[in-house]
Amino acid sequence: MKVEQISVFLENRAGRLAEVTKTLAENQINIRALSLADTSDFGILRLIVTDNEKAKEVLKAKGFTVGRTNVVAAEVGDRPGGLHTILEMLNAGGVNVEYMYAFVTQSGRNAILIFRFDRTDQAIEVLQKNNVRILSGDELYTL
């Protein structure tokens, strides 16, 4: 129940992010979720896209450095305390969240949390034991 995420390393300069989105758009690759972290010199763009292999190929062809990581997509109610409930479960299970980002498919319904854990398999086990829905890549790509 892991989802592949691609990471694109970007120089922190005007237009670089637009180059990535243009390349993906020109190749009919849809972005389902993203996170951008930066320093003064570079950024890391983390993406969940509809076609990982094609995205890696076309971005590398444009000179971008691209990596991949397995993450976990968990569904939680879009309400106050939804994230806290998940974090408490993980804390009780001894799992550390390395980073996360989220998106909402429809306000007031459910949010999708994208997690990178220090112990991914243990995190999945904790979440499943607590009846948290874990989404596959295919499910995430079609939301």
N, C-alpha and C. Protein backbone atom coordinates (compact mmCIF):
# COMPACT_ATOMS: atom_id res chain seq x y z
N MET A 1 0.82 -1.19 0.00
CA MET A 1 0.00 0.00 0.00
C MET A 1 0.86 1.26 0.00
N LYS A 2 1.97 1.18 -0.69
CA LYS A 2 2.85 2.34 -0.81
C LYS A 2 2.58 3.02 -2.16
N VAL A 3 2.84 4.30 -2.18
CA VAL A 3 2.66 5.12 -3.38
C VAL A 3 4.02 5.66 -3.77
N GLU A 4 4.31 5.63 -5.05
CA GLU A 4 5.58 6.20 -5.50
C GLU A 4 5.45 7.70 -5.69
N GLN A 5 6.40 8.41 -5.11
CA GLN A 5 6.48 9.87 -5.21
C GLN A 5 7.78 10.18 -5.96
N ILE A 6 7.74 11.16 -6.84
CA ILE A 6 8.99 11.59 -7.46
C ILE A 6 9.42 12.90 -6.80
N SER A 7 10.73 13.06 -6.69
CA SER A 7 11.32 14.27 -6.14
C SER A 7 12.19 14.91 -7.22
N VAL A 8 11.97 16.19 -7.43
CA VAL A 8 12.71 16.93 -8.44
C VAL A 8 13.52 18.00 -7.72
N PHE A 9 14.82 18.00 -7.96
CA PHE A 9 15.70 18.98 -7.32
C PHE A 9 15.81 20.19 -8.24
N LEU A 10 15.49 21.35 -7.68
CA LEU A 10 15.40 22.57 -8.46
C LEU A 10 16.36 23.64 -7.95
N GLU A 11 16.99 24.35 -8.89
CA GLU A 11 17.72 25.55 -8.51
C GLU A 11 16.68 26.57 -8.07
N ASN A 12 16.99 27.33 -7.05
CA ASN A 12 16.05 28.32 -6.55
C ASN A 12 16.20 29.61 -7.37
N ARG A 13 15.57 29.58 -8.56
CA ARG A 13 15.60 30.75 -9.43
C ARG A 13 14.28 30.85 -10.19
N ALA A 14 13.96 32.04 -10.62
CA ALA A 14 12.69 32.32 -11.29
C ALA A 14 12.51 31.42 -12.51
N GLY A 15 11.33 30.86 -12.65
CA GLY A 15 10.97 30.09 -13.82
C GLY A 15 11.26 28.61 -13.77
N ARG A 16 12.06 28.19 -12.82
CA ARG A 16 12.45 26.77 -12.78
C ARG A 16 11.25 25.87 -12.48
N LEU A 17 10.40 26.26 -11.55
CA LEU A 17 9.21 25.49 -11.24
C LEU A 17 8.27 25.43 -12.45
N ALA A 18 8.13 26.54 -13.13
CA ALA A 18 7.28 26.57 -14.33
C ALA A 18 7.80 25.64 -15.42
N GLU A 19 9.12 25.44 -15.49
CA GLU A 19 9.69 24.51 -16.46
C GLU A 19 9.22 23.09 -16.18
N VAL A 20 9.16 22.74 -14.90
CA VAL A 20 8.69 21.40 -14.52
C VAL A 20 7.22 21.24 -14.91
N THR A 21 6.39 22.20 -14.51
CA THR A 21 4.95 22.06 -14.79
C THR A 21 4.67 22.09 -16.29
N LYS A 22 5.42 22.88 -17.04
CA LYS A 22 5.25 22.91 -18.50
C LYS A 22 5.60 21.56 -19.11
N THR A 23 6.70 20.98 -18.66
CA THR A 23 7.14 19.69 -19.18
C THR A 23 6.09 18.61 -18.90
N LEU A 24 5.56 18.61 -17.69
CA LEU A 24 4.54 17.62 -17.35
C LEU A 24 3.27 17.85 -18.16
N ALA A 25 2.83 19.10 -18.27
CA ALA A 25 1.61 19.41 -19.03
C ALA A 25 1.75 19.02 -20.50
N GLU A 26 2.88 19.33 -21.08
CA GLU A 26 3.10 19.00 -22.49
C GLU A 26 3.06 17.50 -22.75
N ASN A 27 3.31 16.72 -21.71
CA ASN A 27 3.32 15.27 -21.83
C ASN A 27 2.10 14.61 -21.22
N GLN A 28 1.06 15.42 -20.99
CA GLN A 28 -0.23 14.93 -20.48
C GLN A 28 -0.11 14.17 -19.16
N ILE A 29 0.78 14.66 -18.28
CA ILE A 29 0.97 14.07 -16.96
C ILE A 29 0.33 14.99 -15.95
N ASN A 30 -0.63 14.46 -15.21
CA ASN A 30 -1.37 15.25 -14.24
C ASN A 30 -0.71 15.17 -12.86
N ILE A 31 -0.63 16.30 -12.19
CA ILE A 31 -0.12 16.36 -10.82
C ILE A 31 -1.30 16.15 -9.88
N ARG A 32 -1.23 15.13 -9.03
CA ARG A 32 -2.29 14.83 -8.07
C ARG A 32 -2.03 15.48 -6.72
N ALA A 33 -0.76 15.61 -6.35
CA ALA A 33 -0.38 16.26 -5.09
C ALA A 33 1.05 16.74 -5.22
N LEU A 34 1.38 17.78 -4.45
CA LEU A 34 2.75 18.28 -4.48
C LEU A 34 3.11 18.96 -3.17
N SER A 35 4.40 19.04 -2.97
CA SER A 35 4.98 19.76 -1.84
C SER A 35 6.28 20.37 -2.33
N LEU A 36 6.54 21.59 -1.94
CA LEU A 36 7.78 22.26 -2.33
C LEU A 36 8.47 22.77 -1.08
N ALA A 37 9.70 22.35 -0.88
CA ALA A 37 10.52 22.83 0.24
C ALA A 37 11.75 23.50 -0.37
N ASP A 38 12.21 24.56 0.27
CA ASP A 38 13.35 25.26 -0.31
C ASP A 38 14.34 25.74 0.73
N THR A 39 15.52 26.03 0.22
CA THR A 39 16.55 26.75 0.97
C THR A 39 16.91 27.95 0.09
N SER A 40 17.92 28.67 0.44
CA SER A 40 18.29 29.82 -0.38
C SER A 40 18.85 29.41 -1.74
N ASP A 41 19.38 28.19 -1.86
CA ASP A 41 20.03 27.77 -3.09
C ASP A 41 19.23 26.79 -3.95
N PHE A 42 18.43 25.94 -3.33
CA PHE A 42 17.73 24.91 -4.09
C PHE A 42 16.41 24.55 -3.42
N GLY A 43 15.61 23.83 -4.17
CA GLY A 43 14.33 23.35 -3.65
C GLY A 43 14.15 21.88 -3.99
N ILE A 44 13.27 21.24 -3.25
CA ILE A 44 12.88 19.87 -3.56
C ILE A 44 11.38 19.88 -3.80
N LEU A 45 11.00 19.54 -5.02
CA LEU A 45 9.60 19.45 -5.40
C LEU A 45 9.21 17.97 -5.33
N ARG A 46 8.29 17.67 -4.43
CA ARG A 46 7.80 16.30 -4.28
C ARG A 46 6.45 16.21 -4.96
N LEU A 47 6.30 15.21 -5.83
CA LEU A 47 5.11 15.11 -6.66
C LEU A 47 4.51 13.70 -6.65
N ILE A 48 3.19 13.66 -6.62
CA ILE A 48 2.46 12.45 -6.93
C ILE A 48 1.82 12.75 -8.29
N VAL A 49 2.16 11.97 -9.30
CA VAL A 49 1.68 12.22 -10.65
C VAL A 49 1.00 10.97 -11.22
N THR A 50 0.31 11.15 -12.33
CA THR A 50 -0.45 10.04 -12.91
C THR A 50 0.41 9.05 -13.69
N ASP A 51 1.62 9.42 -14.05
CA ASP A 51 2.50 8.50 -14.79
C ASP A 51 3.95 8.75 -14.34
N ASN A 52 4.38 8.02 -13.32
CA ASN A 52 5.71 8.22 -12.74
C ASN A 52 6.84 7.98 -13.73
N GLU A 53 6.77 6.87 -14.45
CA GLU A 53 7.87 6.52 -15.36
C GLU A 53 8.04 7.57 -16.45
N LYS A 54 6.93 7.97 -17.04
CA LYS A 54 6.99 8.99 -18.10
C LYS A 54 7.47 10.32 -17.53
N ALA A 55 6.99 10.68 -16.33
CA ALA A 55 7.41 11.94 -15.70
C ALA A 55 8.92 11.94 -15.46
N LYS A 56 9.44 10.86 -14.91
CA LYS A 56 10.89 10.78 -14.68
C LYS A 56 11.66 10.91 -15.99
N GLU A 57 11.19 10.22 -17.00
CA GLU A 57 11.85 10.24 -18.30
C GLU A 57 11.89 11.64 -18.90
N VAL A 58 10.74 12.31 -18.96
CA VAL A 58 10.69 13.62 -19.63
C VAL A 58 11.40 14.70 -18.81
N LEU A 59 11.35 14.60 -17.49
CA LEU A 59 12.04 15.58 -16.66
C LEU A 59 13.55 15.40 -16.74
N LYS A 60 14.01 14.16 -16.73
CA LYS A 60 15.45 13.92 -16.88
C LYS A 60 15.94 14.40 -18.24
N ALA A 61 15.13 14.22 -19.27
CA ALA A 61 15.49 14.68 -20.61
C ALA A 61 15.64 16.20 -20.67
N LYS A 62 14.96 16.91 -19.78
CA LYS A 62 15.06 18.37 -19.70
C LYS A 62 16.17 18.82 -18.74
N GLY A 63 16.93 17.86 -18.20
CA GLY A 63 18.07 18.20 -17.36
C GLY A 63 17.80 18.25 -15.86
N PHE A 64 16.62 17.84 -15.44
CA PHE A 64 16.31 17.84 -14.01
C PHE A 64 16.85 16.57 -13.35
N THR A 65 17.25 16.71 -12.10
CA THR A 65 17.63 15.55 -11.30
C THR A 65 16.36 15.06 -10.61
N VAL A 66 16.04 13.79 -10.84
CA VAL A 66 14.78 13.23 -10.35
C VAL A 66 15.07 11.97 -9.54
N GLY A 67 14.46 11.88 -8.36
CA GLY A 67 14.55 10.70 -7.53
C GLY A 67 13.16 10.15 -7.27
N ARG A 68 13.12 9.01 -6.61
CA ARG A 68 11.81 8.47 -6.24
C ARG A 68 11.85 7.91 -4.84
N THR A 69 10.70 7.98 -4.20
CA THR A 69 10.55 7.56 -2.81
C THR A 69 9.18 6.92 -2.65
N ASN A 70 9.09 5.94 -1.77
CA ASN A 70 7.79 5.39 -1.44
C ASN A 70 7.21 6.16 -0.26
N VAL A 71 5.95 6.54 -0.40
CA VAL A 71 5.22 7.25 0.64
C VAL A 71 3.91 6.51 0.89
N VAL A 72 3.19 6.95 1.91
CA VAL A 72 1.91 6.34 2.25
C VAL A 72 0.83 7.41 2.17
N ALA A 73 -0.27 7.07 1.52
CA ALA A 73 -1.42 7.97 1.40
C ALA A 73 -2.53 7.45 2.30
N ALA A 74 -2.90 8.25 3.29
CA ALA A 74 -3.94 7.85 4.25
C ALA A 74 -5.10 8.83 4.16
N GLU A 75 -6.30 8.29 4.27
CA GLU A 75 -7.50 9.12 4.21
C GLU A 75 -7.97 9.42 5.63
N VAL A 76 -8.34 10.68 5.85
CA VAL A 76 -8.82 11.11 7.17
C VAL A 76 -9.98 12.07 6.96
N GLY A 77 -10.89 12.09 7.90
CA GLY A 77 -12.00 13.02 7.81
C GLY A 77 -11.51 14.46 7.81
N ASP A 78 -12.11 15.27 6.95
CA ASP A 78 -11.76 16.69 6.85
C ASP A 78 -12.53 17.44 7.94
N ARG A 79 -11.97 17.39 9.15
CA ARG A 79 -12.61 18.01 10.31
C ARG A 79 -11.53 18.37 11.32
N PRO A 80 -11.82 19.27 12.24
CA PRO A 80 -10.84 19.60 13.27
C PRO A 80 -10.43 18.35 14.05
N GLY A 81 -9.14 18.16 14.21
CA GLY A 81 -8.62 17.02 14.96
C GLY A 81 -8.33 15.79 14.13
N GLY A 82 -8.70 15.80 12.84
CA GLY A 82 -8.46 14.63 11.99
C GLY A 82 -6.98 14.26 11.91
N LEU A 83 -6.14 15.22 11.65
CA LEU A 83 -4.70 14.98 11.58
C LEU A 83 -4.18 14.56 12.94
N HIS A 84 -4.62 15.23 13.99
CA HIS A 84 -4.15 14.90 15.34
C HIS A 84 -4.43 13.44 15.69
N THR A 85 -5.60 12.96 15.32
CA THR A 85 -5.95 11.56 15.61
C THR A 85 -4.95 10.61 14.96
N ILE A 86 -4.60 10.86 13.71
CA ILE A 86 -3.64 10.03 12.99
C ILE A 86 -2.26 10.11 13.66
N LEU A 87 -1.84 11.31 14.00
CA LEU A 87 -0.51 11.48 14.61
C LEU A 87 -0.43 10.81 15.97
N GLU A 88 -1.50 10.83 16.72
CA GLU A 88 -1.51 10.14 18.01
C GLU A 88 -1.36 8.64 17.83
N MET A 89 -2.04 8.07 16.84
CA MET A 89 -1.91 6.64 16.54
C MET A 89 -0.46 6.29 16.23
N LEU A 90 0.14 7.10 15.37
CA LEU A 90 1.51 6.84 14.95
C LEU A 90 2.48 6.98 16.13
N ASN A 91 2.27 8.01 16.94
CA ASN A 91 3.11 8.22 18.11
C ASN A 91 3.02 7.02 19.06
N ALA A 92 1.81 6.56 19.31
CA ALA A 92 1.61 5.41 20.19
C ALA A 92 2.28 4.16 19.63
N GLY A 93 2.38 4.08 18.30
CA GLY A 93 3.03 2.94 17.66
C GLY A 93 4.53 3.11 17.48
N GLY A 94 5.08 4.22 17.98
CA GLY A 94 6.51 4.45 17.90
C GLY A 94 7.02 4.79 16.51
N VAL A 95 6.16 5.38 15.69
CA VAL A 95 6.53 5.71 14.31
C VAL A 95 6.78 7.21 14.20
N ASN A 96 7.88 7.57 13.54
CA ASN A 96 8.23 8.96 13.32
C ASN A 96 7.80 9.40 11.92
N VAL A 97 7.21 10.59 11.83
CA VAL A 97 6.87 11.18 10.54
C VAL A 97 8.06 12.03 10.10
N GLU A 98 8.67 11.67 8.99
CA GLU A 98 9.80 12.44 8.47
C GLU A 98 9.32 13.70 7.78
N TYR A 99 8.28 13.58 6.97
CA TYR A 99 7.60 14.74 6.40
C TYR A 99 6.22 14.30 5.93
N MET A 100 5.40 15.29 5.66
CA MET A 100 4.05 15.01 5.18
C MET A 100 3.50 16.22 4.45
N TYR A 101 2.50 15.97 3.64
CA TYR A 101 1.72 17.04 3.03
C TYR A 101 0.33 16.48 2.80
N ALA A 102 -0.61 17.33 2.46
CA ALA A 102 -2.00 16.89 2.38
C ALA A 102 -2.74 17.63 1.29
N PHE A 103 -3.86 17.05 0.90
CA PHE A 103 -4.78 17.74 0.02
C PHE A 103 -6.20 17.26 0.31
N VAL A 104 -7.15 18.08 -0.06
CA VAL A 104 -8.56 17.77 0.18
C VAL A 104 -9.22 17.53 -1.18
N THR A 105 -9.95 16.42 -1.29
CA THR A 105 -10.63 16.14 -2.56
C THR A 105 -11.96 16.87 -2.66
N GLN A 106 -12.65 17.01 -1.53
CA GLN A 106 -13.90 17.77 -1.47
C GLN A 106 -14.04 18.28 -0.05
N SER A 107 -14.11 19.59 0.10
CA SER A 107 -14.16 20.19 1.43
C SER A 107 -15.29 19.61 2.27
N GLY A 108 -14.97 19.30 3.52
CA GLY A 108 -15.95 18.77 4.44
C GLY A 108 -16.10 17.26 4.37
N ARG A 109 -15.39 16.61 3.45
CA ARG A 109 -15.49 15.15 3.32
C ARG A 109 -14.23 14.52 3.90
N ASN A 110 -13.27 14.23 3.03
CA ASN A 110 -12.04 13.59 3.47
C ASN A 110 -10.82 14.33 2.94
N ALA A 111 -9.77 14.24 3.71
CA ALA A 111 -8.47 14.76 3.28
C ALA A 111 -7.56 13.55 3.04
N ILE A 112 -6.59 13.73 2.16
CA ILE A 112 -5.59 12.71 1.90
C ILE A 112 -4.27 13.22 2.45
N LEU A 113 -3.68 12.45 3.33
CA LEU A 113 -2.39 12.79 3.94
C LEU A 113 -1.32 11.94 3.28
N ILE A 114 -0.28 12.58 2.80
CA ILE A 114 0.85 11.87 2.20
C ILE A 114 1.98 11.90 3.22
N PHE A 115 2.44 10.72 3.64
CA PHE A 115 3.45 10.60 4.69
C PHE A 115 4.71 9.92 4.19
N ARG A 116 5.83 10.38 4.69
CA ARG A 116 7.10 9.67 4.61
C ARG A 116 7.45 9.34 6.06
N PHE A 117 7.63 8.05 6.35
CA PHE A 117 7.90 7.57 7.70
C PHE A 117 9.31 7.02 7.83
N ASP A 118 9.78 6.95 9.06
CA ASP A 118 11.06 6.30 9.30
C ASP A 118 10.93 4.78 9.19
N ARG A 119 9.75 4.26 9.52
CA ARG A 119 9.48 2.82 9.42
C ARG A 119 8.12 2.64 8.72
N THR A 120 8.18 2.60 7.41
CA THR A 120 6.96 2.62 6.61
C THR A 120 6.07 1.41 6.87
N ASP A 121 6.62 0.23 6.87
CA ASP A 121 5.79 -0.97 7.06
C ASP A 121 5.12 -0.96 8.43
N GLN A 122 5.83 -0.54 9.45
CA GLN A 122 5.24 -0.46 10.79
C GLN A 122 4.13 0.60 10.82
N ALA A 123 4.35 1.71 10.14
CA ALA A 123 3.33 2.77 10.09
C ALA A 123 2.05 2.25 9.42
N ILE A 124 2.20 1.54 8.32
CA ILE A 124 1.03 0.97 7.63
C ILE A 124 0.28 0.03 8.56
N GLU A 125 1.02 -0.79 9.26
CA GLU A 125 0.40 -1.73 10.21
C GLU A 125 -0.39 -0.99 11.30
N VAL A 126 0.20 0.05 11.86
CA VAL A 126 -0.48 0.84 12.91
C VAL A 126 -1.75 1.47 12.36
N LEU A 127 -1.66 2.07 11.19
CA LEU A 127 -2.83 2.72 10.60
C LEU A 127 -3.94 1.71 10.28
N GLN A 128 -3.56 0.59 9.70
CA GLN A 128 -4.57 -0.42 9.37
C GLN A 128 -5.24 -1.00 10.61
N LYS A 129 -4.46 -1.21 11.67
CA LYS A 129 -5.04 -1.72 12.93
C LYS A 129 -6.07 -0.75 13.49
N ASN A 130 -5.91 0.53 13.17
CA ASN A 130 -6.83 1.56 13.66
C ASN A 130 -7.88 1.94 12.61
N ASN A 131 -8.05 1.06 11.62
CA ASN A 131 -9.07 1.23 10.58
C ASN A 131 -8.94 2.50 9.76
N VAL A 132 -7.70 2.94 9.55
CA VAL A 132 -7.45 4.09 8.68
C VAL A 132 -7.30 3.56 7.26
N ARG A 133 -8.01 4.15 6.33
CA ARG A 133 -7.94 3.72 4.94
C ARG A 133 -6.62 4.18 4.32
N ILE A 134 -5.88 3.21 3.79
CA ILE A 134 -4.64 3.48 3.08
C ILE A 134 -4.94 3.35 1.60
N LEU A 135 -4.57 4.36 0.82
CA LEU A 135 -4.86 4.35 -0.60
C LEU A 135 -3.69 3.80 -1.41
N SER A 136 -4.00 3.05 -2.43
CA SER A 136 -2.98 2.59 -3.36
C SER A 136 -2.67 3.72 -4.33
N GLY A 137 -1.61 3.55 -5.10
CA GLY A 137 -1.29 4.55 -6.12
C GLY A 137 -2.41 4.71 -7.11
N ASP A 138 -2.99 3.60 -7.57
CA ASP A 138 -4.08 3.68 -8.54
C ASP A 138 -5.27 4.44 -8.01
N GLU A 139 -5.62 4.23 -6.73
CA GLU A 139 -6.73 4.95 -6.13
C GLU A 139 -6.42 6.45 -6.06
N LEU A 140 -5.20 6.77 -5.69
CA LEU A 140 -4.79 8.17 -5.54
C LEU A 140 -4.79 8.89 -6.89
N TYR A 141 -4.38 8.20 -7.93
CA TYR A 141 -4.28 8.83 -9.25
C TYR A 141 -5.64 9.15 -9.84
N THR A 142 -6.69 8.48 -9.37
CA THR A 142 -8.02 8.67 -9.95
C THR A 142 -8.95 9.52 -9.10
N LEU A 143 -8.47 10.04 -7.98
CA LEU A 143 -9.33 10.88 -7.13
C LEU A 143 -9.69 12.17 -7.84
